Amino acid sequence: MNREQLLQFITEQYSIDEEHPWGKYPEHTVFRHHNNKKWFALIMSIPKSRLGLTGIDMIDILNVKCDPILIGSLRQEKGFYPAYHMNKTNWITIALDGSVRDDKIKWLIDMSFDLTF
């Protein structure tokens, strides 16, 4: 799932529009609940080196809140990293480079939506 597909999925699935709260980083996109304003998804484009990857290229990532019990095992899988700029106990970063199956990304977004509701 790439960035555009993910944006479309979240907008349609949850009837929530994307927000761009940082003028300095217009490519950073936040999705939050209408009622409590809590974030459940954050999409960013960051240098690969920030995830410990080689190269100077940028990579699109998704941060979602996750059951802490699952985070350790997910981080053993390709495409999952410690949460970038978030609490690493409760959040996880997912690379949007095709390394994680679409259905798994959708499942984790659903979990994040429920955990932040």
PDB file of N, CA and C in Angstrom:
ATOM      1  N   MET A   1       0.861  -1.173   0.000  1.00  0.00           N
ATOM      2  CA  MET A   1       0.000   0.000   0.000  1.00  0.00           C
ATOM      3  C   MET A   1       0.901   1.227   0.000  1.00  0.00           C
ATOM      4  N   ASN A   2       0.679   2.108  -0.929  1.00  0.00           N
ATOM      5  CA  ASN A   2       1.471   3.329  -0.961  1.00  0.00           C
ATOM      6  C   ASN A   2       0.714   4.459  -0.254  1.00  0.00           C
ATOM      7  N   ARG A   3       1.345   5.598  -0.178  1.00  0.00           N
ATOM      8  CA  ARG A   3       0.791   6.741   0.555  1.00  0.00           C
ATOM      9  C   ARG A   3      -0.597   7.146   0.035  1.00  0.00           C
ATOM     10  N   GLU A   4      -0.742   7.258  -1.280  1.00  0.00           N
ATOM     11  CA  GLU A   4      -2.015   7.700  -1.857  1.00  0.00           C
ATOM     12  C   GLU A   4      -3.140   6.699  -1.565  1.00  0.00           C
ATOM     13  N   GLN A   5      -2.833   5.412  -1.708  1.00  0.00           N
ATOM     14  CA  GLN A   5      -3.833   4.382  -1.407  1.00  0.00           C
ATOM     15  C   GLN A   5      -4.227   4.418   0.066  1.00  0.00           C
ATOM     16  N   LEU A   6      -3.245   4.639   0.928  1.00  0.00           N
ATOM     17  CA  LEU A   6      -3.510   4.699   2.359  1.00  0.00           C
ATOM     18  C   LEU A   6      -4.382   5.903   2.709  1.00  0.00           C
ATOM     19  N   LEU A   7      -4.068   7.050   2.137  1.00  0.00           N
ATOM     20  CA  LEU A   7      -4.881   8.243   2.389  1.00  0.00           C
ATOM     21  C   LEU A   7      -6.326   8.014   1.963  1.00  0.00           C
ATOM     22  N   GLN A   8      -6.515   7.423   0.808  1.00  0.00           N
ATOM     23  CA  GLN A   8      -7.860   7.140   0.322  1.00  0.00           C
ATOM     24  C   GLN A   8      -8.570   6.140   1.235  1.00  0.00           C
ATOM     25  N   PHE A   9      -7.880   5.080   1.634  1.00  0.00           N
ATOM     26  CA  PHE A   9      -8.497   4.074   2.501  1.00  0.00           C
ATOM     27  C   PHE A   9      -8.974   4.692   3.815  1.00  0.00           C
ATOM     28  N   ILE A  10      -8.111   5.445   4.485  1.00  0.00           N
ATOM     29  CA  ILE A  10      -8.483   6.018   5.785  1.00  0.00           C
ATOM     30  C   ILE A  10      -9.637   6.997   5.637  1.00  0.00           C
ATOM     31  N   THR A  11      -9.579   7.852   4.627  1.00  0.00           N
ATOM     32  CA  THR A  11     -10.638   8.832   4.411  1.00  0.00           C
ATOM     33  C   THR A  11     -11.986   8.154   4.182  1.00  0.00           C
ATOM     34  N   GLU A  12     -11.999   7.110   3.368  1.00  0.00           N
ATOM     35  CA  GLU A  12     -13.256   6.408   3.061  1.00  0.00           C
ATOM     36  C   GLU A  12     -13.707   5.515   4.215  1.00  0.00           C
ATOM     37  N   GLN A  13     -12.800   4.797   4.827  1.00  0.00           N
ATOM     38  CA  GLN A  13     -13.151   3.839   5.878  1.00  0.00           C
ATOM     39  C   GLN A  13     -13.681   4.524   7.130  1.00  0.00           C
ATOM     40  N   TYR A  14     -13.099   5.639   7.515  1.00  0.00           N
ATOM     41  CA  TYR A  14     -13.433   6.279   8.792  1.00  0.00           C
ATOM     42  C   TYR A  14     -14.144   7.622   8.638  1.00  0.00           C
ATOM     43  N   SER A  15     -14.384   8.044   7.408  1.00  0.00           N
ATOM     44  CA  SER A  15     -15.049   9.339   7.146  1.00  0.00           C
ATOM     45  C   SER A  15     -14.342  10.478   7.876  1.00  0.00           C
ATOM     46  N   ILE A  16     -13.024  10.465   7.789  1.00  0.00           N
ATOM     47  CA  ILE A  16     -12.211  11.478   8.458  1.00  0.00           C
ATOM     48  C   ILE A  16     -11.266  12.079   7.418  1.00  0.00           C
ATOM     49  N   ASP A  17     -11.216  13.408   7.401  1.00  0.00           N
ATOM     50  CA  ASP A  17     -10.335  14.096   6.471  1.00  0.00           C
ATOM     51  C   ASP A  17      -8.930  14.210   7.054  1.00  0.00           C
ATOM     52  N   GLU A  18      -7.973  14.225   6.170  1.00  0.00           N
ATOM     53  CA  GLU A  18      -6.589  14.373   6.600  1.00  0.00           C
ATOM     54  C   GLU A  18      -6.338  15.789   7.086  1.00  0.00           C
ATOM     55  N   GLU A  19      -5.386  15.921   8.007  1.00  0.00           N
ATOM     56  CA  GLU A  19      -4.964  17.217   8.512  1.00  0.00           C
ATOM     57  C   GLU A  19      -3.464  17.357   8.305  1.00  0.00           C
ATOM     58  N   HIS A  20      -3.035  18.596   8.120  1.00  0.00           N
ATOM     59  CA  HIS A  20      -1.612  18.901   7.949  1.00  0.00           C
ATOM     60  C   HIS A  20      -1.253  19.982   8.970  1.00  0.00           C
ATOM     61  N   PRO A  21      -0.986  19.573  10.215  1.00  0.00           N
ATOM     62  CA  PRO A  21      -0.825  20.552  11.294  1.00  0.00           C
ATOM     63  C   PRO A  21       0.487  21.322  11.307  1.00  0.00           C
ATOM     64  N   TRP A  22       1.485  20.891  10.530  1.00  0.00           N
ATOM     65  CA  TRP A  22       2.782  21.555  10.568  1.00  0.00           C
ATOM     66  C   TRP A  22       3.094  22.188   9.228  1.00  0.00           C
ATOM     67  N   GLY A  23       3.105  23.491   9.192  1.00  0.00           N
ATOM     68  CA  GLY A  23       3.427  24.215   7.968  1.00  0.00           C
ATOM     69  C   GLY A  23       4.816  23.894   7.449  1.00  0.00           C
ATOM     70  N   LYS A  24       5.739  23.636   8.363  1.00  0.00           N
ATOM     71  CA  LYS A  24       7.114  23.313   7.986  1.00  0.00           C
ATOM     72  C   LYS A  24       7.213  21.933   7.325  1.00  0.00           C
ATOM     73  N   TYR A  25       6.249  21.065   7.626  1.00  0.00           N
ATOM     74  CA  TYR A  25       6.240  19.701   7.081  1.00  0.00           C
ATOM     75  C   TYR A  25       4.886  19.408   6.434  1.00  0.00           C
ATOM     76  N   PRO A  26       4.606  19.997   5.285  1.00  0.00           N
ATOM     77  CA  PRO A  26       3.290  19.832   4.669  1.00  0.00           C
ATOM     78  C   PRO A  26       2.979  18.405   4.227  1.00  0.00           C
ATOM     79  N   GLU A  27       4.013  17.550   4.096  1.00  0.00           N
ATOM     80  CA  GLU A  27       3.772  16.166   3.687  1.00  0.00           C
ATOM     81  C   GLU A  27       3.402  15.272   4.876  1.00  0.00           C
ATOM     82  N   HIS A  28       3.492  15.798   6.101  1.00  0.00           N
ATOM     83  CA  HIS A  28       3.095  15.029   7.282  1.00  0.00           C
ATOM     84  C   HIS A  28       1.575  15.148   7.436  1.00  0.00           C
ATOM     85  N   THR A  29       0.923  13.992   7.505  1.00  0.00           N
ATOM     86  CA  THR A  29      -0.539  13.944   7.535  1.00  0.00           C
ATOM     87  C   THR A  29      -1.013  13.245   8.794  1.00  0.00           C
ATOM     88  N   VAL A  30      -1.985  13.852   9.471  1.00  0.00           N
ATOM     89  CA  VAL A  30      -2.541  13.303  10.702  1.00  0.00           C
ATOM     90  C   VAL A  30      -4.012  12.969  10.475  1.00  0.00           C
ATOM     91  N   PHE A  31      -4.432  11.851  11.043  1.00  0.00           N
ATOM     92  CA  PHE A  31      -5.848  11.495  11.101  1.00  0.00           C
ATOM     93  C   PHE A  31      -6.219  11.376  12.566  1.00  0.00           C
ATOM     94  N   ARG A  32      -7.297  12.063  12.950  1.00  0.00           N
ATOM     95  CA  ARG A  32      -7.718  12.038  14.351  1.00  0.00           C
ATOM     96  C   ARG A  32      -9.225  11.894  14.455  1.00  0.00           C
ATOM     97  N   HIS A  33      -9.652  11.411  15.600  1.00  0.00           N
ATOM     98  CA  HIS A  33     -11.079  11.246  15.874  1.00  0.00           C
ATOM     99  C   HIS A  33     -11.765  12.611  15.951  1.00  0.00           C
ATOM    100  N   HIS A  34     -13.008  12.641  15.502  1.00  0.00           N
ATOM    101  CA  HIS A  34     -13.785  13.883  15.583  1.00  0.00           C
ATOM    102  C   HIS A  34     -14.097  14.232  17.032  1.00  0.00           C
ATOM    103  N   ASN A  35     -14.458  13.221  17.829  1.00  0.00           N
ATOM    104  CA  ASN A  35     -14.958  13.486  19.179  1.00  0.00           C
ATOM    105  C   ASN A  35     -13.871  13.869  20.183  1.00  0.00           C
ATOM    106  N   ASN A  36     -12.768  13.134  20.240  1.00  0.00           N
ATOM    107  CA  ASN A  36     -11.766  13.401  21.270  1.00  0.00           C
ATOM    108  C   ASN A  36     -10.471  14.003  20.729  1.00  0.00           C
ATOM    109  N   LYS A  37     -10.386  14.153  19.420  1.00  0.00           N
ATOM    110  CA  LYS A  37      -9.237  14.762  18.732  1.00  0.00           C
ATOM    111  C   LYS A  37      -7.940  13.958  18.867  1.00  0.00           C
ATOM    112  N   LYS A  38      -8.010  12.712  19.358  1.00  0.00           N
ATOM    113  CA  LYS A  38      -6.811  11.884  19.464  1.00  0.00           C
ATOM    114  C   LYS A  38      -6.409  11.354  18.098  1.00  0.00           C
ATOM    115  N   TRP A  39      -5.117  11.338  17.858  1.00  0.00           N
ATOM    116  CA  TRP A  39      -4.580  10.795  16.614  1.00  0.00           C
ATOM    117  C   TRP A  39      -4.695   9.280  16.620  1.00  0.00           C
ATOM    118  N   PHE A  40      -4.966   8.716  15.450  1.00  0.00           N
ATOM    119  CA  PHE A  40      -4.876   7.268  15.313  1.00  0.00           C
ATOM    120  C   PHE A  40      -3.953   6.877  14.160  1.00  0.00           C
ATOM    121  N   ALA A  41      -3.561   7.833  13.340  1.00  0.00           N
ATOM    122  CA  ALA A  41      -2.625   7.548  12.250  1.00  0.00           C
ATOM    123  C   ALA A  41      -1.857   8.823  11.905  1.00  0.00           C
ATOM    124  N   LEU A  42      -0.567   8.624  11.666  1.00  0.00           N
ATOM    125  CA  LEU A  42       0.300   9.723  11.254  1.00  0.00           C
ATOM    126  C   LEU A  42       1.149   9.214  10.099  1.00  0.00           C
ATOM    127  N   ILE A  43       1.059   9.900   8.967  1.00  0.00           N
ATOM    128  CA  ILE A  43       1.827   9.527   7.775  1.00  0.00           C
ATOM    129  C   ILE A  43       2.881  10.598   7.549  1.00  0.00           C
ATOM    130  N   MET A  44       4.134  10.148   7.364  1.00  0.00           N
ATOM    131  CA  MET A  44       5.239  11.075   7.170  1.00  0.00           C
ATOM    132  C   MET A  44       6.163  10.570   6.060  1.00  0.00           C
ATOM    133  N   SER A  45       6.943  11.468   5.552  1.00  0.00           N
ATOM    134  CA  SER A  45       8.020  11.129   4.641  1.00  0.00           C
ATOM    135  C   SER A  45       9.305  11.562   5.333  1.00  0.00           C
ATOM    136  N   ILE A  46      10.193  10.584   5.605  1.00  0.00           N
ATOM    137  CA  ILE A  46      11.413  10.864   6.361  1.00  0.00           C
ATOM    138  C   ILE A  46      12.617  10.234   5.657  1.00  0.00           C
ATOM    139  N   PRO A  47      13.817  10.697   5.975  1.00  0.00           N
ATOM    140  CA  PRO A  47      14.999  10.033   5.420  1.00  0.00           C
ATOM    141  C   PRO A  47      15.103   8.600   5.949  1.00  0.00           C
ATOM    142  N   LYS A  48      15.491   7.672   5.101  1.00  0.00           N
ATOM    143  CA  LYS A  48      15.630   6.272   5.508  1.00  0.00           C
ATOM    144  C   LYS A  48      16.551   6.114   6.714  1.00  0.00           C
ATOM    145  N   SER A  49      17.550   6.966   6.796  1.00  0.00           N
ATOM    146  CA  SER A  49      18.520   6.865   7.888  1.00  0.00           C
ATOM    147  C   SER A  49      17.879   7.024   9.263  1.00  0.00           C
ATOM    148  N   ARG A  50      16.753   7.706   9.329  1.00  0.00           N
ATOM    149  CA  ARG A  50      16.055   7.887  10.610  1.00  0.00           C
ATOM    150  C   ARG A  50      15.497   6.574  11.155  1.00  0.00           C
ATOM    151  N   LEU A  51      15.368   5.587  10.274  1.00  0.00           N
ATOM    152  CA  LEU A  51      14.904   4.261  10.684  1.00  0.00           C
ATOM    153  C   LEU A  51      16.073   3.280  10.799  1.00  0.00           C
ATOM    154  N   GLY A  52      17.280   3.780  10.589  1.00  0.00           N
ATOM    155  CA  GLY A  52      18.448   2.915  10.631  1.00  0.00           C
ATOM    156  C   GLY A  52      18.714   2.209   9.319  1.00  0.00           C
ATOM    157  N   LEU A  53      18.059   2.652   8.255  1.00  0.00           N
ATOM    158  CA  LEU A  53      18.252   2.065   6.932  1.00  0.00           C
ATOM    159  C   LEU A  53      19.359   2.805   6.198  1.00  0.00           C
ATOM    160  N   THR A  54      19.981   2.131   5.249  1.00  0.00           N
ATOM    161  CA  THR A  54      21.034   2.778   4.480  1.00  0.00           C
ATOM    162  C   THR A  54      20.442   3.586   3.334  1.00  0.00           C
ATOM    163  N   GLY A  55      21.163   4.580   2.934  1.00  0.00           N
ATOM    164  CA  GLY A  55      20.720   5.419   1.831  1.00  0.00           C
ATOM    165  C   GLY A  55      20.237   6.759   2.307  1.00  0.00           C
ATOM    166  N   ILE A  56      20.173   7.692   1.377  1.00  0.00           N
ATOM    167  CA  ILE A  56      19.740   9.053   1.702  1.00  0.00           C
ATOM    168  C   ILE A  56      18.335   9.337   1.171  1.00  0.00           C
ATOM    169  N   ASP A  57      17.733   8.324   0.549  1.00  0.00           N
ATOM    170  CA  ASP A  57      16.394   8.478  -0.004  1.00  0.00           C
ATOM    171  C   ASP A  57      15.370   8.707   1.102  1.00  0.00           C
ATOM    172  N   MET A  58      14.241   9.264   0.713  1.00  0.00           N
ATOM    173  CA  MET A  58      13.118   9.440   1.630  1.00  0.00           C
ATOM    174  C   MET A  58      12.247   8.190   1.571  1.00  0.00           C
ATOM    175  N   ILE A  59      11.532   7.933   2.671  1.00  0.00           N
ATOM    176  CA  ILE A  59      10.612   6.808   2.735  1.00  0.00           C
ATOM    177  C   ILE A  59       9.323   7.282   3.397  1.00  0.00           C
ATOM    178  N   ASP A  60       8.193   6.852   2.858  1.00  0.00           N
ATOM    179  CA  ASP A  60       6.903   7.138   3.487  1.00  0.00           C
ATOM    180  C   ASP A  60       6.682   6.119   4.589  1.00  0.00           C
ATOM    181  N   ILE A  61       6.212   6.612   5.744  1.00  0.00           N
ATOM    182  CA  ILE A  61       5.940   5.740   6.880  1.00  0.00           C
ATOM    183  C   ILE A  61       4.578   6.046   7.467  1.00  0.00           C
ATOM    184  N   LEU A  62       4.069   5.085   8.223  1.00  0.00           N
ATOM    185  CA  LEU A  62       2.807   5.228   8.935  1.00  0.00           C
ATOM    186  C   LEU A  62       3.055   4.892  10.391  1.00  0.00           C
ATOM    187  N   ASN A  63       2.668   5.775  11.308  1.00  0.00           N
ATOM    188  CA  ASN A  63       2.694   5.492  12.736  1.00  0.00           C
ATOM    189  C   ASN A  63       1.273   5.196  13.189  1.00  0.00           C
ATOM    190  N   VAL A  64       1.115   4.090  13.921  1.00  0.00           N
ATOM    191  CA  VAL A  64      -0.184   3.731  14.495  1.00  0.00           C
ATOM    192  C   VAL A  64       0.010   3.294  15.929  1.00  0.00           C
ATOM    193  N   LYS A  65      -1.032   3.505  16.735  1.00  0.00           N
ATOM    194  CA  LYS A  65      -1.028   2.997  18.101  1.00  0.00           C
ATOM    195  C   LYS A  65      -1.307   1.504  18.024  1.00  0.00           C
ATOM    196  N   CYS A  66      -0.652   0.739  18.911  1.00  0.00           N
ATOM    197  CA  CYS A  66      -0.729  -0.707  18.821  1.00  0.00           C
ATOM    198  C   CYS A  66      -0.746  -1.309  20.219  1.00  0.00           C
ATOM    199  N   ASP A  67      -1.340  -2.461  20.352  1.00  0.00           N
ATOM    200  CA  ASP A  67      -1.302  -3.195  21.605  1.00  0.00           C
ATOM    201  C   ASP A  67       0.162  -3.466  21.937  1.00  0.00           C
ATOM    202  N   PRO A  68       0.633  -3.029  23.107  1.00  0.00           N
ATOM    203  CA  PRO A  68       2.040  -3.226  23.453  1.00  0.00           C
ATOM    204  C   PRO A  68       2.490  -4.689  23.408  1.00  0.00           C
ATOM    205  N   ILE A  69       1.588  -5.610  23.602  1.00  0.00           N
ATOM    206  CA  ILE A  69       1.928  -7.030  23.544  1.00  0.00           C
ATOM    207  C   ILE A  69       2.383  -7.423  22.142  1.00  0.00           C
ATOM    208  N   LEU A  70       1.846  -6.788  21.122  1.00  0.00           N
ATOM    209  CA  LEU A  70       2.176  -7.116  19.732  1.00  0.00           C
ATOM    210  C   LEU A  70       3.426  -6.415  19.201  1.00  0.00           C
ATOM    211  N   ILE A  71       3.776  -5.302  19.800  1.00  0.00           N
ATOM    212  CA  ILE A  71       4.844  -4.470  19.240  1.00  0.00           C
ATOM    213  C   ILE A  71       6.163  -5.231  19.110  1.00  0.00           C
ATOM    214  N   GLY A  72       6.547  -5.985  20.124  1.00  0.00           N
ATOM    215  CA  GLY A  72       7.812  -6.717  20.066  1.00  0.00           C
ATOM    216  C   GLY A  72       7.876  -7.700  18.913  1.00  0.00           C
ATOM    217  N   SER A  73       6.783  -8.439  18.702  1.00  0.00           N
ATOM    218  CA  SER A  73       6.795  -9.416  17.605  1.00  0.00           C
ATOM    219  C   SER A  73       6.707  -8.728  16.246  1.00  0.00           C
ATOM    220  N   LEU A  74       5.949  -7.641  16.148  1.00  0.00           N
ATOM    221  CA  LEU A  74       5.865  -6.922  14.877  1.00  0.00           C
ATOM    222  C   LEU A  74       7.226  -6.359  14.482  1.00  0.00           C
ATOM    223  N   ARG A  75       7.977  -5.882  15.446  1.00  0.00           N
ATOM    224  CA  ARG A  75       9.282  -5.287  15.144  1.00  0.00           C
ATOM    225  C   ARG A  75      10.287  -6.309  14.644  1.00  0.00           C
ATOM    226  N   GLN A  76       9.974  -7.575  14.766  1.00  0.00           N
ATOM    227  CA  GLN A  76      10.833  -8.627  14.222  1.00  0.00           C
ATOM    228  C   GLN A  76      10.550  -8.868  12.743  1.00  0.00           C
ATOM    229  N   GLU A  77       9.422  -8.312  12.246  1.00  0.00           N
ATOM    230  CA  GLU A  77       9.023  -8.511  10.862  1.00  0.00           C
ATOM    231  C   GLU A  77       9.563  -7.387   9.979  1.00  0.00           C
ATOM    232  N   LYS A  78       9.780  -7.724   8.727  1.00  0.00           N
ATOM    233  CA  LYS A  78      10.235  -6.731   7.753  1.00  0.00           C
ATOM    234  C   LYS A  78       9.194  -5.621   7.614  1.00  0.00           C
ATOM    235  N   GLY A  79       9.663  -4.389   7.576  1.00  0.00           N
ATOM    236  CA  GLY A  79       8.777  -3.244   7.357  1.00  0.00           C
ATOM    237  C   GLY A  79       8.267  -2.586   8.627  1.00  0.00           C
ATOM    238  N   PHE A  80       8.618  -3.130   9.798  1.00  0.00           N
ATOM    239  CA  PHE A  80       8.186  -2.563  11.079  1.00  0.00           C
ATOM    240  C   PHE A  80       9.392  -2.039  11.841  1.00  0.00           C
ATOM    241  N   TYR A  81       9.215  -0.881  12.496  1.00  0.00           N
ATOM    242  CA  TYR A  81      10.307  -0.211  13.197  1.00  0.00           C
ATOM    243  C   TYR A  81       9.793   0.382  14.498  1.00  0.00           C
ATOM    244  N   PRO A  82      10.729   0.669  15.430  1.00  0.00           N
ATOM    245  CA  PRO A  82      10.309   1.403  16.625  1.00  0.00           C
ATOM    246  C   PRO A  82       9.648   2.700  16.190  1.00  0.00           C
ATOM    247  N   ALA A  83       8.650   3.106  16.916  1.00  0.00           N
ATOM    248  CA  ALA A  83       7.880   4.293  16.535  1.00  0.00           C
ATOM    249  C   ALA A  83       8.787   5.511  16.366  1.00  0.00           C
ATOM    250  N   TYR A  84       8.692   6.125  15.207  1.00  0.00           N
ATOM    251  CA  TYR A  84       9.463   7.331  14.922  1.00  0.00           C
ATOM    252  C   TYR A  84       8.737   8.534  15.525  1.00  0.00           C
ATOM    253  N   HIS A  85       9.412   9.216  16.439  1.00  0.00           N
ATOM    254  CA  HIS A  85       8.882  10.425  17.091  1.00  0.00           C
ATOM    255  C   HIS A  85       7.606  10.181  17.904  1.00  0.00           C
ATOM    256  N   MET A  86       7.396   8.950  18.344  1.00  0.00           N
ATOM    257  CA  MET A  86       6.218   8.641  19.162  1.00  0.00           C
ATOM    258  C   MET A  86       6.670   7.734  20.306  1.00  0.00           C
ATOM    259  N   ASN A  87       5.771   7.498  21.250  1.00  0.00           N
ATOM    260  CA  ASN A  87       6.030   6.590  22.361  1.00  0.00           C
ATOM    261  C   ASN A  87       6.248   5.186  21.810  1.00  0.00           C
ATOM    262  N   LYS A  88       7.416   4.642  22.042  1.00  0.00           N
ATOM    263  CA  LYS A  88       7.768   3.347  21.461  1.00  0.00           C
ATOM    264  C   LYS A  88       7.119   2.166  22.167  1.00  0.00           C
ATOM    265  N   THR A  89       6.503   2.404  23.316  1.00  0.00           N
ATOM    266  CA  THR A  89       5.799   1.343  24.027  1.00  0.00           C
ATOM    267  C   THR A  89       4.420   1.105  23.428  1.00  0.00           C
ATOM    268  N   ASN A  90       3.794   2.150  22.915  1.00  0.00           N
ATOM    269  CA  ASN A  90       2.409   2.072  22.452  1.00  0.00           C
ATOM    270  C   ASN A  90       2.211   2.345  20.965  1.00  0.00           C
ATOM    271  N   TRP A  91       3.253   2.739  20.259  1.00  0.00           N
ATOM    272  CA  TRP A  91       3.141   3.071  18.849  1.00  0.00           C
ATOM    273  C   TRP A  91       4.195   2.304  18.060  1.00  0.00           C
ATOM    274  N   ILE A  92       3.920   2.106  16.785  1.00  0.00           N
ATOM    275  CA  ILE A  92       4.853   1.408  15.901  1.00  0.00           C
ATOM    276  C   ILE A  92       4.874   2.126  14.551  1.00  0.00           C
ATOM    277  N   THR A  93       6.013   2.067  13.890  1.00  0.00           N
ATOM    278  CA  THR A  93       6.168   2.653  12.566  1.00  0.00           C
ATOM    279  C   THR A  93       6.146   1.549  11.521  1.00  0.00           C
ATOM    280  N   ILE A  94       5.404   1.795  10.451  1.00  0.00           N
ATOM    281  CA  ILE A  94       5.277   0.845   9.340  1.00  0.00           C
ATOM    282  C   ILE A  94       5.807   1.525   8.078  1.00  0.00           C
ATOM    283  N   ALA A  95       6.717   0.870   7.389  1.00  0.00           N
ATOM    284  CA  ALA A  95       7.228   1.391   6.117  1.00  0.00           C
ATOM    285  C   ALA A  95       6.166   1.195   5.041  1.00  0.00           C
ATOM    286  N   LEU A  96       5.929   2.216   4.261  1.00  0.00           N
ATOM    287  CA  LEU A  96       4.963   2.135   3.156  1.00  0.00           C
ATOM    288  C   LEU A  96       5.726   1.897   1.845  1.00  0.00           C
ATOM    289  N   ASP A  97       6.510   0.854   1.845  1.00  0.00           N
ATOM    290  CA  ASP A  97       7.350   0.531   0.694  1.00  0.00           C
ATOM    291  C   ASP A  97       6.999  -0.815   0.071  1.00  0.00           C
ATOM    292  N   GLY A  98       5.855  -1.364   0.448  1.00  0.00           N
ATOM    293  CA  GLY A  98       5.436  -2.644  -0.093  1.00  0.00           C
ATOM    294  C   GLY A  98       5.896  -3.837   0.725  1.00  0.00           C
ATOM    295  N   SER A  99       6.651  -3.615   1.784  1.00  0.00           N
ATOM    296  CA  SER A  99       7.168  -4.723   2.591  1.00  0.00           C
ATOM    297  C   SER A  99       6.140  -5.300   3.556  1.00  0.00           C
ATOM    298  N   VAL A 100       5.053  -4.566   3.813  1.00  0.00           N
ATOM    299  CA  VAL A 100       3.994  -5.033   4.708  1.00  0.00           C
ATOM    300  C   VAL A 100       2.709  -5.176   3.896  1.00  0.00           C
ATOM    301  N   ARG A 101       2.045  -6.310   4.054  1.00  0.00           N
ATOM    302  CA  ARG A 101       0.809  -6.586   3.314  1.00  0.00           C
ATOM    303  C   ARG A 101      -0.272  -5.542   3.637  1.00  0.00           C
ATOM    304  N   ASP A 102      -1.067  -5.212   2.633  1.00  0.00           N
ATOM    305  CA  ASP A 102      -2.138  -4.231   2.798  1.00  0.00           C
ATOM    306  C   ASP A 102      -3.115  -4.625   3.893  1.00  0.00           C
ATOM    307  N   ASP A 103      -3.494  -5.898   3.952  1.00  0.00           N
ATOM    308  CA  ASP A 103      -4.472  -6.322   4.951  1.00  0.00           C
ATOM    309  C   ASP A 103      -3.928  -6.163   6.371  1.00  0.00           C
ATOM    310  N   LYS A 104      -2.630  -6.330   6.551  1.00  0.00           N
ATOM    311  CA  LYS A 104      -2.029  -6.161   7.874  1.00  0.00           C
ATOM    312  C   LYS A 104      -2.013  -4.683   8.256  1.00  0.00           C
ATOM    313  N   ILE A 105      -1.706  -3.827   7.289  1.00  0.00           N
ATOM    314  CA  ILE A 105      -1.739  -2.384   7.549  1.00  0.00           C
ATOM    315  C   ILE A 105      -3.151  -1.959   7.944  1.00  0.00           C
ATOM    316  N   LYS A 106      -4.144  -2.421   7.217  1.00  0.00           N
ATOM    317  CA  LYS A 106      -5.534  -2.067   7.525  1.00  0.00           C
ATOM    318  C   LYS A 106      -5.944  -2.570   8.904  1.00  0.00           C
ATOM    319  N   TRP A 107      -5.532  -3.779   9.250  1.00  0.00           N
ATOM    320  CA  TRP A 107      -5.832  -4.348  10.565  1.00  0.00           C
ATOM    321  C   TRP A 107      -5.217  -3.492  11.669  1.00  0.00           C
ATOM    322  N   LEU A 108      -3.982  -3.040  11.464  1.00  0.00           N
ATOM    323  CA  LEU A 108      -3.315  -2.215  12.475  1.00  0.00           C
ATOM    324  C   LEU A 108      -3.919  -0.820  12.565  1.00  0.00           C
ATOM    325  N   ILE A 109      -4.401  -0.289  11.458  1.00  0.00           N
ATOM    326  CA  ILE A 109      -5.101   1.004  11.514  1.00  0.00           C
ATOM    327  C   ILE A 109      -6.397   0.844  12.294  1.00  0.00           C
ATOM    328  N   ASP A 110      -7.131  -0.247  12.051  1.00  0.00           N
ATOM    329  CA  ASP A 110      -8.357  -0.509  12.813  1.00  0.00           C
ATOM    330  C   ASP A 110      -8.059  -0.591  14.311  1.00  0.00           C
ATOM    331  N   MET A 111      -6.976  -1.286  14.661  1.00  0.00           N
ATOM    332  CA  MET A 111      -6.598  -1.407  16.063  1.00  0.00           C
ATOM    333  C   MET A 111      -6.295  -0.032  16.644  1.00  0.00           C
ATOM    334  N   SER A 112      -5.531   0.769  15.919  1.00  0.00           N
ATOM    335  CA  SER A 112      -5.180   2.100  16.381  1.00  0.00           C
ATOM    336  C   SER A 112      -6.431   2.961  16.558  1.00  0.00           C
ATOM    337  N   PHE A 113      -7.346   2.861  15.613  1.00  0.00           N
ATOM    338  CA  PHE A 113      -8.604   3.607  15.699  1.00  0.00           C
ATOM    339  C   PHE A 113      -9.348   3.232  16.984  1.00  0.00           C
ATOM    340  N   ASP A 114      -9.446   1.938  17.257  1.00  0.00           N
ATOM    341  CA  ASP A 114     -10.152   1.478  18.450  1.00  0.00           C
ATOM    342  C   ASP A 114      -9.413   1.865  19.743  1.00  0.00           C
ATOM    343  N   LEU A 115      -8.104   1.740  19.752  1.00  0.00           N
ATOM    344  CA  LEU A 115      -7.327   2.060  20.960  1.00  0.00           C
ATOM    345  C   LEU A 115      -7.364   3.546  21.313  1.00  0.00           C
ATOM    346  N   THR A 116      -7.559   4.383  20.332  1.00  0.00           N
ATOM    347  CA  THR A 116      -7.565   5.833  20.584  1.00  0.00           C
ATOM    348  C   THR A 116      -8.984   6.398  20.708  1.00  0.00           C
ATOM    349  N   PHE A 117      -9.980   5.559  20.533  1.00  0.00           N
ATOM    350  CA  PHE A 117     -11.357   6.024  20.612  1.00  0.00           C
ATOM    351  C   PHE A 117     -11.728   6.317  22.054  1.00  0.00           C
TER     352      PHE A 117
END
